Protein backbone atom coordinates (compact mmCIF):
# COMPACT_ATOMS: atom_id res chain seq x y z
CA MET A 1 108.64 -147.56 40.24
CA ARG A 2 107.94 -144.95 37.58
CA CYS A 3 104.67 -145.48 35.73
CA VAL A 4 102.13 -143.88 33.43
CA ILE A 5 98.70 -143.43 35.01
CA TYR A 6 95.26 -142.20 34.04
CA THR A 7 93.75 -139.82 36.58
CA GLY A 8 90.31 -140.28 35.04
CA ALA A 9 88.61 -140.79 31.69
CA GLY A 10 89.35 -138.44 28.82
CA GLY A 11 92.24 -137.46 26.57
CA ASN A 12 95.86 -136.63 27.25
CA GLU A 13 94.86 -134.31 30.08
CA VAL A 14 94.37 -137.42 32.27
CA VAL A 15 97.85 -138.85 31.50
CA GLU A 16 100.57 -138.42 34.12
CA VAL A 17 103.92 -140.04 34.94
CA VAL A 18 104.32 -140.72 38.67
CA GLU A 19 106.39 -142.67 41.21
CA ARG A 20 104.80 -145.55 43.11
CA PRO A 21 106.06 -148.46 45.25
CA ASP A 22 107.35 -151.43 43.29
CA PRO A 23 104.79 -154.23 42.86
CA GLU A 24 105.33 -157.54 44.66
CA PRO A 25 105.37 -160.80 42.66
CA GLY A 26 102.88 -163.49 43.62
CA THR A 27 103.69 -167.17 43.92
CA ASP A 28 103.78 -167.86 40.16
CA ASP A 29 104.88 -164.39 39.06
CA VAL A 30 108.11 -162.76 38.00
CA LEU A 31 109.03 -159.13 38.64
CA LEU A 32 110.54 -157.46 35.57
CA ARG A 33 112.72 -154.41 35.23
CA VAL A 34 111.17 -153.00 32.08
CA ARG A 35 113.23 -151.30 29.38
CA TYR A 36 110.57 -150.84 26.70
CA ALA A 37 106.78 -151.10 26.75
CA GLY A 38 104.47 -151.17 23.76
CA LEU A 39 101.42 -148.96 23.29
CA ASN A 40 98.19 -150.36 21.85
CA PRO A 41 94.76 -149.08 20.78
CA ALA A 42 93.36 -150.72 23.92
CA ASP A 43 95.33 -148.14 25.94
CA LEU A 44 93.47 -145.33 24.16
CA GLN A 45 90.15 -147.06 24.83
CA GLN A 46 91.06 -147.43 28.50
CA ARG A 47 92.04 -143.75 28.66
CA ALA A 48 88.62 -142.85 27.28
CA GLY A 49 86.91 -144.97 29.95
CA ARG A 50 85.63 -147.60 27.49
CA TYR A 51 87.96 -150.52 28.31
CA PRO A 52 88.55 -151.05 32.04
CA ALA A 53 91.45 -153.17 33.23
CA PRO A 54 90.58 -156.79 34.07
CA PRO A 55 90.40 -157.94 37.71
CA GLY A 56 93.82 -158.15 39.31
CA ALA A 57 95.45 -155.56 37.01
CA PRO A 58 96.13 -151.97 38.15
CA ALA A 59 92.99 -149.98 37.42
CA ASP A 60 94.78 -146.77 36.42
CA VAL A 61 98.06 -147.99 34.85
CA PRO A 62 97.66 -148.97 31.17
CA GLY A 63 99.96 -151.15 29.10
CA LEU A 64 99.68 -154.68 27.71
CA GLU A 65 103.19 -155.72 26.59
CA VAL A 66 106.75 -155.32 27.83
CA SER A 67 110.32 -156.46 27.43
CA GLY A 68 112.85 -156.44 30.24
CA VAL A 69 114.94 -158.42 32.70
CA VAL A 70 113.76 -160.72 35.49
CA GLU A 71 114.59 -159.12 38.87
CA ARG A 72 112.74 -161.46 41.23
CA CYS A 73 110.80 -164.71 41.02
CA GLY A 74 107.83 -165.77 43.11
CA ALA A 75 108.18 -168.80 45.37
CA GLY A 76 106.51 -171.10 42.83
CA ALA A 77 107.93 -169.59 39.64
CA ARG A 78 110.34 -172.02 37.99
CA ARG A 79 110.54 -171.13 34.29
CA PHE A 80 113.03 -168.25 34.61
CA VAL A 81 115.93 -167.07 36.75
CA VAL A 82 117.06 -163.61 37.79
CA GLY A 83 118.79 -161.91 34.88
CA ASP A 84 116.83 -163.61 32.10
CA ARG A 85 115.73 -161.35 29.26
CA VAL A 86 112.03 -161.88 28.63
CA PHE A 87 109.08 -160.38 26.79
CA GLY A 88 105.37 -160.97 26.96
CA LEU A 89 101.84 -159.93 27.87
CA VAL A 90 100.34 -158.32 30.95
CA GLY A 91 96.67 -157.73 31.68
CA GLY A 92 97.46 -154.12 32.59
CA GLY A 93 100.14 -152.10 34.32
CA GLY A 94 102.66 -152.51 31.51
CA LEU A 95 103.54 -148.82 31.18
CA ALA A 96 105.90 -148.91 34.15
CA ASP A 97 109.55 -149.62 34.82
CA ARG A 98 108.63 -152.48 37.18
CA VAL A 99 105.95 -154.96 36.19
CA VAL A 100 104.66 -158.19 37.75
CA VAL A 101 103.56 -160.85 35.26
CA HIS A 102 102.60 -164.52 35.50
CA GLU A 103 105.53 -166.67 34.40
CA ARG A 104 103.39 -168.43 31.78
CA HIS A 105 102.81 -165.12 29.99
CA VAL A 106 106.41 -164.31 29.10
CA ALA A 107 109.04 -165.97 26.92
CA LEU A 108 112.81 -165.75 26.65
CA VAL A 109 114.08 -163.11 24.24
CA PRO A 110 116.26 -164.84 21.60
CA ASP A 111 119.90 -163.82 21.61
CA GLY A 112 119.58 -162.12 18.24
CA LEU A 113 116.89 -159.68 19.40
CA ASP A 114 117.40 -156.56 21.47
CA GLU A 115 114.85 -155.30 24.01
CA ARG A 116 113.59 -152.61 21.65
CA GLU A 117 112.46 -155.00 18.95
CA ALA A 118 111.35 -157.54 21.55
CA ALA A 119 108.90 -155.04 23.06
CA ALA A 120 107.23 -154.62 19.68
CA ILE A 121 106.54 -158.34 19.34
CA PRO A 122 104.16 -159.73 22.00
CA GLU A 123 100.77 -158.13 21.40
CA ALA A 124 101.24 -157.93 17.63
CA PHE A 125 102.59 -161.41 16.92
CA LEU A 126 100.61 -163.26 19.58
CA THR A 127 97.37 -161.62 18.47
CA ALA A 128 98.09 -162.21 14.80
CA HIS A 129 99.16 -165.83 15.25
CA ASP A 130 96.21 -166.71 17.46
CA ALA A 131 93.80 -165.01 15.05
CA ILE A 132 94.92 -166.41 11.72
CA ARG A 133 96.33 -169.80 12.74
CA THR A 134 94.29 -170.85 15.79
CA ARG A 135 90.96 -169.10 15.08
CA GLY A 136 91.22 -168.81 11.30
CA ARG A 137 93.01 -172.15 10.77
CA LEU A 138 95.08 -170.75 7.87
CA VAL A 139 97.14 -173.43 6.12
CA MET A 140 99.58 -173.67 3.24
CA GLY A 141 98.05 -172.92 -0.15
CA GLU A 142 95.19 -170.80 1.18
CA THR A 143 94.74 -167.06 0.70
CA LEU A 144 94.88 -164.54 3.54
CA LEU A 145 93.62 -160.95 3.38
CA VAL A 146 94.78 -158.57 6.13
CA HIS A 147 93.01 -155.26 6.75
CA GLY A 148 95.10 -152.69 8.63
CA ALA A 149 98.20 -154.32 7.18
CA ASN A 150 100.66 -151.53 8.04
CA GLY A 151 100.05 -151.63 11.80
CA GLY A 152 101.72 -153.81 14.39
CA VAL A 153 99.26 -156.73 14.28
CA GLY A 154 98.73 -156.36 10.54
CA SER A 155 102.42 -156.45 9.65
CA ALA A 156 102.89 -159.46 11.94
CA ALA A 157 99.97 -161.25 10.27
CA LEU A 158 101.42 -160.66 6.80
CA GLN A 159 104.69 -162.30 7.83
CA ILE A 160 103.06 -165.22 9.63
CA GLY A 161 100.83 -165.86 6.62
CA VAL A 162 103.81 -165.83 4.24
CA ALA A 163 105.71 -168.19 6.58
CA CYS A 164 102.71 -170.56 6.51
CA GLY A 165 102.94 -170.81 2.72
CA ALA A 166 99.74 -168.86 2.10
CA ARG A 167 99.17 -166.25 -0.59
CA VAL A 168 98.88 -163.04 1.40
CA TYR A 169 97.24 -159.71 0.56
CA GLY A 170 97.27 -156.52 2.62
CA SER A 171 94.68 -153.81 2.04
CA VAL A 172 96.22 -150.33 1.89
CA ARG A 173 95.33 -146.68 1.39
CA SER A 174 98.71 -145.25 0.38
CA GLU A 175 101.73 -146.11 -1.72
CA ALA A 176 103.92 -146.08 1.40
CA ALA A 177 101.71 -148.76 2.97
CA ALA A 178 101.72 -150.71 -0.31
CA GLN A 179 105.51 -150.73 -0.35
CA LEU A 180 105.61 -151.98 3.24
CA VAL A 181 103.29 -154.84 2.29
CA ARG A 182 105.59 -155.74 -0.61
CA ASP A 183 108.66 -155.55 1.63
CA LEU A 184 107.10 -158.13 3.92
CA GLY A 185 106.50 -160.58 1.09
CA ALA A 186 102.79 -159.94 0.53
CA GLU A 187 100.71 -158.25 -2.19
CA PRO A 188 99.03 -154.87 -1.68
CA VAL A 189 95.41 -154.35 -2.68
CA SER A 190 93.34 -151.18 -2.54
CA ASP A 191 91.23 -150.79 0.56
CA GLU A 192 88.39 -149.54 -1.65
CA ASP A 193 88.07 -152.37 -4.19
CA PHE A 194 89.60 -155.44 -2.51
CA ALA A 195 86.38 -157.43 -2.92
CA SER A 196 86.71 -157.35 -6.71
CA ARG A 197 90.35 -158.43 -6.67
CA VAL A 198 90.74 -160.99 -3.87
CA THR A 199 89.04 -164.24 -2.93
CA ALA A 200 90.28 -165.06 0.56
CA ASP A 201 90.02 -168.17 2.69
CA VAL A 202 90.84 -166.14 5.81
CA ILE A 203 90.23 -162.42 6.37
CA LEU A 204 91.84 -160.72 9.37
CA GLU A 205 89.77 -157.65 10.23
CA LEU A 206 91.72 -155.06 12.21
CA VAL A 207 89.75 -151.97 11.16
CA GLY A 208 86.09 -152.74 11.74
CA ALA A 209 82.63 -152.21 10.31
CA PRO A 210 83.49 -150.22 7.14
CA HIS A 211 84.84 -153.38 5.48
CA PHE A 212 81.46 -155.11 5.67
CA PRO A 213 79.65 -156.33 3.58
CA ALA A 214 82.64 -156.32 1.18
CA ASN A 215 84.40 -158.85 3.42
CA LEU A 216 81.65 -161.36 2.73
CA GLU A 217 81.92 -160.65 -1.00
CA ALA A 218 85.68 -161.34 -0.89
CA LEU A 219 85.33 -164.49 1.19
CA ALA A 220 85.83 -167.89 -0.43
CA PRO A 221 83.34 -170.70 0.21
CA ARG A 222 83.90 -172.07 3.72
CA GLY A 223 86.03 -169.01 4.47
CA ARG A 224 86.73 -167.54 7.90
CA ILE A 225 86.64 -163.90 9.03
CA VAL A 226 88.41 -163.10 12.29
CA VAL A 227 87.63 -159.71 13.84
CA VAL A 228 90.30 -158.32 16.15
CA GLY A 229 89.89 -154.54 15.78
CA VAL A 230 86.93 -152.19 15.38
CA GLY A 231 88.58 -148.78 15.63
CA ALA A 232 86.73 -147.50 12.55
CA GLY A 233 83.36 -148.68 13.87
CA PRO A 234 81.87 -151.68 15.72
CA THR A 235 78.42 -151.96 14.13
CA THR A 236 77.43 -153.24 10.71
CA GLU A 237 74.64 -154.98 8.81
CA LEU A 238 75.42 -158.58 8.01
CA SER A 239 73.61 -160.79 5.50
CA LEU A 240 72.92 -164.10 7.18
CA LEU A 241 71.91 -165.46 3.79
CA ALA A 242 75.37 -164.67 2.39
CA MET A 243 76.92 -166.35 5.44
CA MET A 244 74.81 -169.43 4.81
CA GLN A 245 75.49 -169.58 1.09
CA LYS A 246 79.25 -169.44 1.61
CA ARG A 247 79.15 -171.65 4.72
CA ALA A 248 81.21 -168.87 6.26
CA GLU A 249 82.53 -168.51 9.80
CA LEU A 250 82.79 -165.23 11.71
CA HIS A 251 85.03 -165.11 14.78
CA GLY A 252 85.58 -162.33 17.28
CA THR A 253 88.55 -162.50 19.61
CA VAL A 254 90.55 -160.63 22.26
CA LEU A 255 93.57 -161.61 24.36
CA ARG A 256 93.37 -159.35 27.40
CA ALA A 257 90.32 -160.88 29.07
CA ARG A 258 91.38 -164.52 28.74
CA SER A 259 92.25 -166.83 31.60
CA ILE A 260 95.81 -167.50 32.76
CA GLU A 261 95.66 -170.95 31.17
CA ASP A 262 94.31 -169.68 27.85
CA LYS A 263 96.93 -166.94 27.58
CA GLY A 264 99.61 -169.45 28.50
CA ALA A 265 98.48 -171.71 25.64
CA VAL A 266 98.69 -168.76 23.23
CA LEU A 267 102.27 -168.09 24.40
CA ARG A 268 103.31 -171.71 23.95
CA ALA A 269 101.89 -171.83 20.40
CA PHE A 270 103.76 -168.61 19.63
CA GLU A 271 106.99 -170.10 20.98
CA ARG A 272 106.60 -173.19 18.79
CA GLU A 273 105.55 -171.63 15.50
CA VAL A 274 106.65 -167.98 15.44
CA LEU A 275 109.59 -167.40 17.77
CA PRO A 276 112.04 -169.51 15.71
CA GLY A 277 111.34 -167.31 12.68
CA LEU A 278 111.90 -164.16 14.69
CA ALA A 279 115.11 -165.54 16.17
CA ALA A 280 116.42 -166.45 12.71
CA GLY A 281 115.51 -163.09 11.21
CA ARG A 282 112.90 -164.51 8.83
CA MET A 283 110.30 -162.32 10.54
CA ARG A 284 110.73 -158.95 12.21
CA ALA A 285 108.79 -156.61 14.41
CA LEU A 286 108.26 -153.12 13.03
CA VAL A 287 108.92 -150.15 15.33
CA ASP A 288 107.28 -146.94 14.20
CA SER A 289 108.65 -144.67 16.92
CA VAL A 290 110.13 -144.63 20.44
CA PHE A 291 109.37 -142.02 23.11
CA ALA A 292 110.89 -141.51 26.54
CA ALA A 293 108.47 -142.38 29.34
CA ALA A 294 108.22 -138.69 30.22
CA GLU A 295 106.84 -138.13 26.72
CA ALA A 296 103.87 -140.47 27.22
CA ARG A 297 101.36 -137.88 26.00
CA GLU A 298 103.26 -137.40 22.75
CA ALA A 299 103.45 -141.17 22.37
CA PHE A 300 99.67 -141.46 22.71
CA ASP A 301 99.25 -138.76 20.07
CA ARG A 302 101.41 -140.78 17.70
CA LEU A 303 99.49 -143.95 18.52
CA ALA A 304 96.23 -142.21 17.60
CA SER A 305 97.57 -140.73 14.36
CA PRO A 306 97.19 -142.36 10.92
CA GLY A 307 100.04 -143.62 8.79
CA LYS A 308 102.04 -145.54 11.38
CA ALA A 309 104.28 -148.40 10.31
CA GLY A 310 104.56 -150.73 13.30
CA LYS A 311 104.57 -150.21 17.04
CA VAL A 312 104.88 -147.12 19.23
CA LEU A 313 107.11 -147.79 22.27
CA LEU A 314 107.93 -146.11 25.56
CA ASP A 315 111.56 -146.23 26.74
CA PHE A 316 111.79 -146.35 30.54
CA GLU A 317 115.56 -145.97 30.61
CA GLY A 318 115.85 -143.27 27.94
């Protein structure tokens, strides 16, 4: 197989594209021939040596989401057959043209989606849905505020919130980002004064510490803040008194480190509540840019740059 590896911790100087033997599927696994793989901030953290792969995943091959075709099935794998188009999550090793993944962690790609758009869906929509619906318990008639609204997870959260019947705001720093928020059916609000303009039942935090304590100011009584990203900083002061007065809840969550069963439950909830909307075209994954696998370093540069609108993908057949 052809794969992206990290030769150590650092920047793009540790990124290489190499050939390795194809992985072997375990009893409950499927082996995928990958067309596209999505890049995520976690890949940058792993490159820097701050986010090691979980046990069982390749230690030096990054990548958390893929789309492709089933090539082989393990002896106990029953959900798919050879030739099925699938997409889903891997604990690591996703930046490769052959990937082994547990059968519970992938879903069938609807007929109306191609592999390119499918690869931009898993991490963004699964993370967003789990955060705002399962952790944040967002329901019809409530108000959702999304920070980092123009990224992959943020743009997915806007659409899921709108589909739930919530009033949805996305905090932005540019007119281009504001227009994207409008295009997805939500309302833009300035990243600098959102607390004076929005009272939110659920706040999805994809940026980090700079939005506190304003997040607490913007939170409605009995509101919920769900923290998924801390790229702008992980440490903040938090008023416990304000938390008490608003009877607020603060959740932190990740997908990568969860058990097989927990990830499988996240996939099934996504299949029930989100996949029909994607299949019907009521929701869509945003693709910022696509790079050939040989251009992995350039792809990481784009991933780290500001102003993206959606996902950065690697094309393993391009």
